[in-house]
Amino acid sequence: MLSRIAESLYWIGRYVERAEDTARITDVNYHHTLEMGASPEARERRRQHWEALVIIVGEAPRFFTMHDQANEETVPLYLTFATENPHSIVSCVARARENARTMRHQIASEMWEVLNRFHLELQRLQEFGETPVSAENVHLFYRSIKEFSHLFQGITDSTMPREEGWYFLQAGKFLERAEKTARALDVKYHLLVADAKEGLREDDSPLSPESSVLSPLPGDWDQWLAVLRSLSAYEAYHKIYRSTVRPHSVIEMLTLSPIFPRSIRFAIGEVDAALARIAGGLRAPSGQHEDLGLSGDMAFLSPQSSVLSPSQEAERAVGRLHSALAYQRVEEVFAVDLHAYLLDIQRQCFHIGEHIQAQYFAPRILRAEEVIA
């Protein structure tokens, strides 16, 4: 496969997933802050939640050069319709559509049509200023973005041959998902710690803020419910754990679950399996007999075939991270410090992306034998 086509498919996967993740956490954040009341303390809490959302998507420096304050009026519009924001939903859909336009002969017409149709709809809303303003309209709008993403992924699953292009698209999608889950959980956790510090100052409790967050009062459970809903994990949590919401269990499911499709471990496992397929089946992905998904249909490979070449840095990096996640316990996560742990995962995801870019897409001088081939 041509490097240009592979790169386009990889970034289509990333951009569509990024648009969906941004829509999901913005929608949940909007409705969660509506319930905080109108007191000065509530306004400050709302500001902190909106500022945290800007941090999750990595846009804090650019956002605050354009806006003085993060609130329910500035942040949703910036994350959705701001063309100067390269990570806004409008920008992500436009870039995914442009990548698809340059290689329409490589994808099914239905894939192009759904990307093009949704891009034009967003452009129409932006041109005529028909941005959602009421709480009900906001929810319906962000739900339509999630449904667009699910429609695109469903069409892709049904129409794309399971060849290199498919695996590049899956690698991009799941790498983006792993990074966004780590970001969302990290920022949300520290927001809960900040709220706990305020409560401890008022109650004069002997508990530390971190202990208070991990042992919440019944009235604080809605915070953890918001974390689950922002990652579409609420129903899955109750199916897996069959218990009330417990912070340790929430963090365990979102980081280390091998069966929940939005957990960090599951997503990295899918990237691991996709890169193994792209590399020509040179190795089996780590944890292939336990984790489900792309790795579920991998054929048995001999031990000699699992040796990586020096140039396969992307496979080496993602395999190392997947193995660490597969054998980790949630107690070890808290022993390290949750913030440091999640920050390290974000760094590793960034380096995996750099390795994929350098290994498969970056222009380089071909060797003589590659030119002949």
Protein backbone atom coordinates (compact mmCIF):
# COMPACT_ATOMS: atom_id res chain seq x y z
CA MET A 1 0.00 0.00 0.00
CA LEU A 2 1.20 3.52 -0.79
CA SER A 3 2.42 5.46 2.23
CA ARG A 4 0.12 8.38 1.34
CA ILE A 5 -2.99 6.20 1.36
CA ALA A 6 -2.00 4.45 4.58
CA GLU A 7 -1.43 7.81 6.27
CA SER A 8 -4.80 9.14 5.11
CA LEU A 9 -6.63 6.11 6.50
CA TYR A 10 -4.72 6.32 9.79
CA TRP A 11 -5.68 9.96 10.25
CA ILE A 12 -9.29 9.41 9.22
CA GLY A 13 -9.52 6.93 12.09
CA ARG A 14 -7.98 9.44 14.50
CA TYR A 15 -10.05 12.43 13.41
CA VAL A 16 -13.42 10.65 13.53
CA GLU A 17 -12.63 9.22 16.97
CA ARG A 18 -11.46 12.64 18.18
CA ALA A 19 -14.70 14.28 17.04
CA GLU A 20 -16.76 11.65 18.84
CA ASP A 21 -14.74 11.88 22.07
CA THR A 22 -15.00 15.68 22.09
CA ALA A 23 -18.77 15.52 21.55
CA ARG A 24 -19.22 12.98 24.32
CA ILE A 25 -17.29 14.77 27.06
CA THR A 26 -18.66 18.21 26.08
CA ASP A 27 -22.25 16.96 26.26
CA VAL A 28 -21.78 15.33 29.67
CA ASN A 29 -19.89 18.32 31.03
CA TYR A 30 -22.61 20.72 29.85
CA HIS A 31 -25.40 18.86 31.60
CA HIS A 32 -23.35 18.12 34.71
CA THR A 33 -22.60 21.82 35.25
CA LEU A 34 -26.28 22.76 34.79
CA GLU A 35 -27.07 20.98 38.06
CA MET A 36 -24.59 22.98 40.14
CA GLY A 37 -26.83 25.94 40.91
CA ALA A 38 -26.28 29.70 40.62
CA SER A 39 -24.34 30.59 43.80
CA PRO A 40 -20.85 32.16 43.54
CA GLU A 41 -19.34 28.85 44.69
CA ALA A 42 -21.30 26.99 42.01
CA ARG A 43 -20.14 29.43 39.32
CA GLU A 44 -16.54 28.83 40.36
CA ARG A 45 -17.03 25.07 40.21
CA ARG A 46 -18.56 25.39 36.74
CA ARG A 47 -15.59 27.45 35.62
CA GLN A 48 -13.21 24.76 36.89
CA HIS A 49 -15.11 22.02 35.06
CA TRP A 50 -15.09 23.92 31.76
CA GLU A 51 -11.42 24.77 32.16
CA ALA A 52 -10.70 21.08 32.81
CA LEU A 53 -12.48 20.18 29.59
CA VAL A 54 -10.23 22.54 27.61
CA ILE A 55 -7.22 20.87 29.25
CA ILE A 56 -8.50 17.38 28.35
CA VAL A 57 -8.42 18.19 24.64
CA GLY A 58 -5.03 19.92 24.96
CA GLU A 59 -6.27 23.35 23.88
CA ALA A 60 -5.76 25.48 27.01
CA PRO A 61 -2.96 27.76 25.65
CA ARG A 62 -4.76 28.58 22.40
CA PHE A 63 -8.18 28.91 24.06
CA PHE A 64 -7.08 31.49 26.62
CA THR A 65 -5.46 33.67 23.98
CA MET A 66 -8.94 34.04 22.46
CA HIS A 67 -11.21 33.96 25.53
CA ASP A 68 -10.89 35.47 28.99
CA GLN A 69 -12.95 32.82 30.78
CA ALA A 70 -13.98 29.20 30.34
CA ASN A 71 -17.74 28.76 30.70
CA GLU A 72 -20.78 27.12 29.10
CA GLU A 73 -20.91 29.82 26.41
CA THR A 74 -17.28 29.93 25.24
CA VAL A 75 -16.00 26.37 25.59
CA PRO A 76 -18.70 24.37 23.68
CA LEU A 77 -18.56 26.76 20.71
CA TYR A 78 -14.75 26.68 20.71
CA LEU A 79 -14.60 22.88 20.86
CA THR A 80 -17.31 22.45 18.25
CA PHE A 81 -17.27 25.20 15.63
CA ALA A 82 -13.98 27.14 15.98
CA THR A 83 -12.06 26.70 12.73
CA GLU A 84 -8.95 28.18 14.37
CA ASN A 85 -9.01 25.23 16.76
CA PRO A 86 -7.45 22.27 14.88
CA HIS A 87 -9.06 19.85 17.34
CA SER A 88 -12.63 21.21 17.12
CA ILE A 89 -15.33 18.89 15.84
CA VAL A 90 -15.74 20.97 12.65
CA SER A 91 -11.98 20.81 12.00
CA CYS A 92 -11.76 17.07 12.69
CA VAL A 93 -14.66 16.21 10.38
CA ALA A 94 -13.29 18.52 7.68
CA ARG A 95 -9.84 16.92 7.85
CA ALA A 96 -11.27 13.39 7.83
CA ARG A 97 -13.39 14.33 4.82
CA GLU A 98 -10.41 15.87 3.00
CA ASN A 99 -8.31 12.76 3.58
CA ALA A 100 -11.16 10.63 2.24
CA ARG A 101 -11.59 12.91 -0.80
CA THR A 102 -7.99 12.41 -1.91
CA MET A 103 -8.39 8.60 -1.95
CA ARG A 104 -12.02 7.98 -2.84
CA HIS A 105 -10.98 5.08 -5.08
CA GLN A 106 -9.59 3.26 -2.02
CA ILE A 107 -12.72 3.38 0.17
CA ALA A 108 -16.36 2.43 -0.25
CA SER A 109 -18.64 5.14 -1.64
CA GLU A 110 -20.79 4.87 1.50
CA MET A 111 -17.80 5.84 3.66
CA TRP A 112 -17.21 8.95 1.57
CA GLU A 113 -20.91 9.85 1.53
CA VAL A 114 -21.34 9.80 5.30
CA LEU A 115 -18.22 11.92 5.85
CA ASN A 116 -19.18 14.38 3.12
CA ARG A 117 -22.80 14.65 4.26
CA PHE A 118 -21.92 15.37 7.88
CA HIS A 119 -19.20 17.85 6.89
CA LEU A 120 -21.71 19.78 4.78
CA GLU A 121 -24.26 19.74 7.60
CA LEU A 122 -21.75 21.21 10.06
CA GLN A 123 -20.76 23.84 7.50
CA ARG A 124 -24.42 24.77 7.06
CA LEU A 125 -24.94 25.15 10.81
CA GLN A 126 -21.83 27.28 11.07
CA GLU A 127 -22.67 29.46 8.06
CA PHE A 128 -26.21 30.27 9.19
CA GLY A 129 -25.34 30.51 12.89
CA GLU A 130 -27.71 27.69 13.83
CA THR A 131 -25.62 26.59 16.81
CA PRO A 132 -27.50 24.78 19.60
CA VAL A 133 -28.31 26.99 22.57
CA SER A 134 -30.84 25.25 24.80
CA ALA A 135 -29.93 22.27 26.94
CA GLU A 136 -32.15 19.93 24.92
CA ASN A 137 -30.73 21.10 21.59
CA VAL A 138 -27.18 20.73 22.85
CA HIS A 139 -27.80 17.12 23.85
CA LEU A 140 -29.46 16.26 20.52
CA PHE A 141 -26.66 17.94 18.59
CA TYR A 142 -23.85 16.09 20.34
CA ARG A 143 -25.78 12.86 20.09
CA SER A 144 -25.94 13.35 16.32
CA ILE A 145 -22.13 13.63 16.25
CA LYS A 146 -21.76 10.38 18.16
CA GLU A 147 -24.27 8.72 15.84
CA PHE A 148 -22.31 10.00 12.83
CA SER A 149 -19.16 8.40 14.23
CA HIS A 150 -20.95 5.12 14.93
CA LEU A 151 -22.49 5.15 11.44
CA PHE A 152 -19.10 5.72 9.84
CA GLN A 153 -17.48 2.96 11.89
CA GLY A 154 -20.36 0.57 11.11
CA ILE A 155 -20.10 1.24 7.37
CA THR A 156 -16.34 0.82 7.57
CA ASP A 157 -16.68 -2.50 9.39
CA SER A 158 -19.16 -3.72 6.78
CA THR A 159 -17.42 -2.59 3.60
CA MET A 160 -13.63 -2.44 4.04
CA PRO A 161 -11.55 -5.50 3.16
CA ARG A 162 -9.40 -6.66 6.05
CA GLU A 163 -6.19 -5.56 4.39
CA GLU A 164 -3.45 -3.10 5.36
CA GLY A 165 -5.70 -0.07 4.93
CA TRP A 166 -8.23 -1.40 7.42
CA TYR A 167 -5.55 -1.98 10.04
CA PHE A 168 -4.07 1.50 9.60
CA LEU A 169 -7.53 2.98 10.17
CA GLN A 170 -8.03 0.84 13.28
CA ALA A 171 -4.58 1.74 14.63
CA GLY A 172 -5.40 5.43 14.36
CA LYS A 173 -8.84 5.08 15.92
CA PHE A 174 -7.75 3.07 18.95
CA LEU A 175 -4.57 5.04 19.60
CA GLU A 176 -6.67 8.22 19.73
CA ARG A 177 -9.16 6.49 22.03
CA ALA A 178 -6.50 5.32 24.47
CA GLU A 179 -4.96 8.80 24.73
CA LYS A 180 -8.32 10.54 25.17
CA THR A 181 -9.42 8.07 27.86
CA ALA A 182 -6.20 8.69 29.79
CA ARG A 183 -6.60 12.47 29.43
CA ALA A 184 -10.25 12.48 30.47
CA LEU A 185 -9.69 10.26 33.51
CA ASP A 186 -6.63 12.24 34.63
CA VAL A 187 -8.29 15.66 34.47
CA LYS A 188 -11.59 14.45 35.94
CA TYR A 189 -9.79 12.80 38.85
CA HIS A 190 -7.88 15.96 39.69
CA LEU A 191 -11.07 17.97 39.43
CA LEU A 192 -12.61 15.63 42.00
CA VAL A 193 -9.53 16.07 44.20
CA ALA A 194 -9.92 19.86 43.94
CA ASP A 195 -13.59 19.60 44.95
CA ALA A 196 -12.59 17.35 47.85
CA LYS A 197 -10.04 19.91 49.05
CA GLU A 198 -12.78 22.55 49.18
CA GLY A 199 -15.00 20.20 51.14
CA LEU A 200 -12.23 19.30 53.58
CA ARG A 201 -11.54 22.95 54.30
CA GLU A 202 -15.19 23.42 55.18
CA ASP A 203 -15.62 20.18 57.17
CA ASP A 204 -12.18 20.10 58.79
CA SER A 205 -11.97 16.35 58.02
CA PRO A 206 -8.79 14.39 58.87
CA LEU A 207 -8.91 12.58 55.48
CA SER A 208 -6.61 13.59 52.62
CA PRO A 209 -8.29 14.88 49.43
CA GLU A 210 -7.25 11.74 47.51
CA SER A 211 -8.73 9.48 50.21
CA SER A 212 -11.92 11.53 50.18
CA VAL A 213 -12.23 11.13 46.40
CA LEU A 214 -11.73 7.36 46.56
CA SER A 215 -14.18 7.03 49.47
CA PRO A 216 -16.91 9.47 48.43
CA LEU A 217 -20.06 10.30 50.31
CA PRO A 218 -23.33 9.17 48.69
CA GLY A 219 -23.96 12.71 47.46
CA ASP A 220 -20.64 12.71 45.58
CA TRP A 221 -21.40 9.65 43.46
CA ASP A 222 -22.84 11.81 40.69
CA GLN A 223 -19.27 12.96 39.98
CA TRP A 224 -18.18 9.41 39.24
CA LEU A 225 -21.36 8.79 37.26
CA ALA A 226 -20.38 11.76 35.09
CA VAL A 227 -16.94 10.21 34.53
CA LEU A 228 -18.57 6.95 33.41
CA ARG A 229 -21.11 8.66 31.17
CA SER A 230 -18.44 10.83 29.52
CA LEU A 231 -16.83 7.59 28.29
CA SER A 232 -20.10 5.71 27.57
CA ALA A 233 -19.23 3.32 30.38
CA TYR A 234 -22.22 3.59 32.73
CA GLU A 235 -24.17 0.52 31.59
CA ALA A 236 -21.01 -1.52 31.00
CA TYR A 237 -19.83 -0.78 34.55
CA HIS A 238 -22.95 -2.28 36.11
CA LYS A 239 -22.80 -5.32 33.83
CA ILE A 240 -19.17 -6.01 34.72
CA TYR A 241 -19.15 -5.19 38.45
CA ARG A 242 -22.84 -5.59 39.44
CA SER A 243 -22.42 -3.14 42.30
CA THR A 244 -22.78 0.51 43.19
CA VAL A 245 -20.27 2.93 41.71
CA ARG A 246 -16.92 2.51 43.47
CA PRO A 247 -14.02 4.78 42.46
CA HIS A 248 -11.44 1.98 42.51
CA SER A 249 -13.63 -0.12 40.23
CA VAL A 250 -14.29 2.80 37.87
CA ILE A 251 -10.58 3.47 37.47
CA GLU A 252 -9.82 -0.23 37.09
CA MET A 253 -12.40 -0.64 34.31
CA LEU A 254 -11.32 2.45 32.40
CA THR A 255 -7.62 1.61 32.55
CA LEU A 256 -7.11 -2.16 32.84
CA SER A 257 -10.26 -3.90 31.55
CA PRO A 258 -9.50 -6.37 28.72
CA ILE A 259 -13.17 -6.48 27.61
CA PHE A 260 -14.49 -2.91 27.82
CA PRO A 261 -13.87 -1.34 24.37
CA ARG A 262 -13.10 2.16 25.68
CA SER A 263 -10.57 1.11 28.31
CA ILE A 264 -6.94 2.05 27.80
CA ARG A 265 -5.80 -1.58 27.86
CA PHE A 266 -8.36 -2.71 25.28
CA ALA A 267 -7.56 0.20 22.95
CA ILE A 268 -3.80 -0.37 23.14
CA GLY A 269 -4.39 -4.06 22.54
CA GLU A 270 -6.19 -3.21 19.31
CA VAL A 271 -3.33 -0.95 18.20
CA ASP A 272 -0.92 -3.79 19.01
CA ALA A 273 -2.95 -6.25 16.93
CA ALA A 274 -3.33 -3.81 14.01
CA LEU A 275 0.41 -3.12 13.82
CA ALA A 276 1.13 -6.84 13.99
CA ARG A 277 -1.09 -7.35 10.94
CA ILE A 278 0.48 -4.42 9.11
CA ALA A 279 3.96 -5.83 9.78
CA GLY A 280 2.89 -8.96 7.89
CA GLY A 281 2.15 -11.27 10.80
CA LEU A 282 5.75 -11.27 12.00
CA ARG A 283 4.59 -11.67 15.59
CA ALA A 284 1.53 -12.30 17.69
CA PRO A 285 0.33 -9.32 19.75
CA SER A 286 1.09 -9.53 23.44
CA GLY A 287 -1.78 -11.01 25.44
CA GLN A 288 -3.47 -12.40 22.30
CA HIS A 289 -5.04 -15.37 24.11
CA GLU A 290 -6.70 -13.12 26.70
CA ASP A 291 -7.75 -9.86 25.04
CA LEU A 292 -10.54 -9.76 22.47
CA GLY A 293 -10.97 -7.71 19.30
CA LEU A 294 -8.63 -7.51 16.33
CA SER A 295 -6.25 -9.90 18.07
CA GLY A 296 -8.93 -12.57 18.44
CA ASP A 297 -8.40 -14.04 14.98
CA MET A 298 -4.60 -14.08 14.97
CA ALA A 299 -3.16 -17.37 13.80
CA PHE A 300 -0.59 -19.19 15.89
CA LEU A 301 2.93 -17.99 15.18
CA SER A 302 6.16 -19.79 16.00
CA PRO A 303 8.44 -18.37 18.72
CA GLN A 304 11.07 -17.59 16.09
CA SER A 305 8.64 -15.28 14.25
CA SER A 306 8.07 -13.07 17.31
CA VAL A 307 11.48 -11.37 17.07
CA LEU A 308 11.19 -7.72 16.06
CA SER A 309 13.64 -6.08 13.68
CA PRO A 310 15.50 -2.94 14.85
CA SER A 311 13.33 -0.77 12.59
CA GLN A 312 10.02 -1.85 14.18
CA GLU A 313 10.00 0.78 16.91
CA ALA A 314 6.22 1.32 16.70
CA GLU A 315 5.49 -2.36 17.31
CA ARG A 316 8.05 -2.48 20.10
CA ALA A 317 6.61 0.58 21.88
CA VAL A 318 2.98 -0.50 21.69
CA GLY A 319 3.79 -4.09 22.65
CA ARG A 320 5.71 -2.90 25.70
CA LEU A 321 2.78 -0.73 26.84
CA HIS A 322 0.21 -3.45 26.18
CA SER A 323 2.19 -6.01 28.15
CA ALA A 324 2.50 -3.63 31.11
CA LEU A 325 -1.26 -2.99 31.10
CA ALA A 326 -2.07 -6.70 30.73
CA TYR A 327 -0.16 -7.70 33.87
CA GLN A 328 -0.92 -4.69 36.06
CA ARG A 329 -3.27 -4.47 39.04
CA VAL A 330 -5.25 -1.41 40.03
CA GLU A 331 -3.48 -1.34 43.42
CA GLU A 332 -0.18 -0.83 41.58
CA VAL A 333 -1.71 2.13 39.73
CA PHE A 334 -2.54 3.91 43.00
CA ALA A 335 0.82 2.96 44.49
CA VAL A 336 2.53 4.93 41.72
CA ASP A 337 0.12 7.93 41.88
CA LEU A 338 -2.76 8.05 39.45
CA HIS A 339 -1.78 11.38 37.87
CA ALA A 340 1.80 10.26 37.16
CA TYR A 341 0.53 6.93 35.84
CA LEU A 342 -1.96 8.47 33.41
CA LEU A 343 0.51 11.14 32.32
CA ASP A 344 3.02 8.40 31.48
CA ILE A 345 0.39 6.60 29.36
CA GLN A 346 -0.30 9.83 27.46
CA ARG A 347 3.42 10.24 26.79
CA GLN A 348 3.71 6.65 25.59
CA CYS A 349 0.71 7.09 23.27
CA PHE A 350 2.36 10.23 21.85
CA HIS A 351 5.62 8.36 21.24
CA ILE A 352 3.76 5.44 19.63
CA GLY A 353 2.16 7.91 17.23
CA GLU A 354 5.57 9.41 16.45
CA HIS A 355 7.02 5.95 15.78
CA ILE A 356 4.12 5.07 13.45
CA GLN A 357 4.59 8.34 11.61
CA ALA A 358 8.33 7.85 11.20
CA GLN A 359 8.16 4.14 10.40
CA TYR A 360 5.33 4.13 7.86
CA PHE A 361 4.60 7.66 6.65
CA ALA A 362 7.61 9.97 6.97
CA PRO A 363 9.35 10.62 3.64
CA ARG A 364 12.78 9.06 3.48
CA ILE A 365 15.41 8.17 0.89
CA LEU A 366 14.79 4.69 -0.51
CA ARG A 367 17.55 2.10 -0.54
CA ALA A 368 18.55 0.58 -3.87
CA GLU A 369 16.86 -2.75 -3.18
CA GLU A 370 13.60 -0.95 -2.28
CA VAL A 371 13.66 0.96 -5.59
CA ILE A 372 14.24 -2.26 -7.53
CA ALA A 373 11.46 -4.01 -5.64
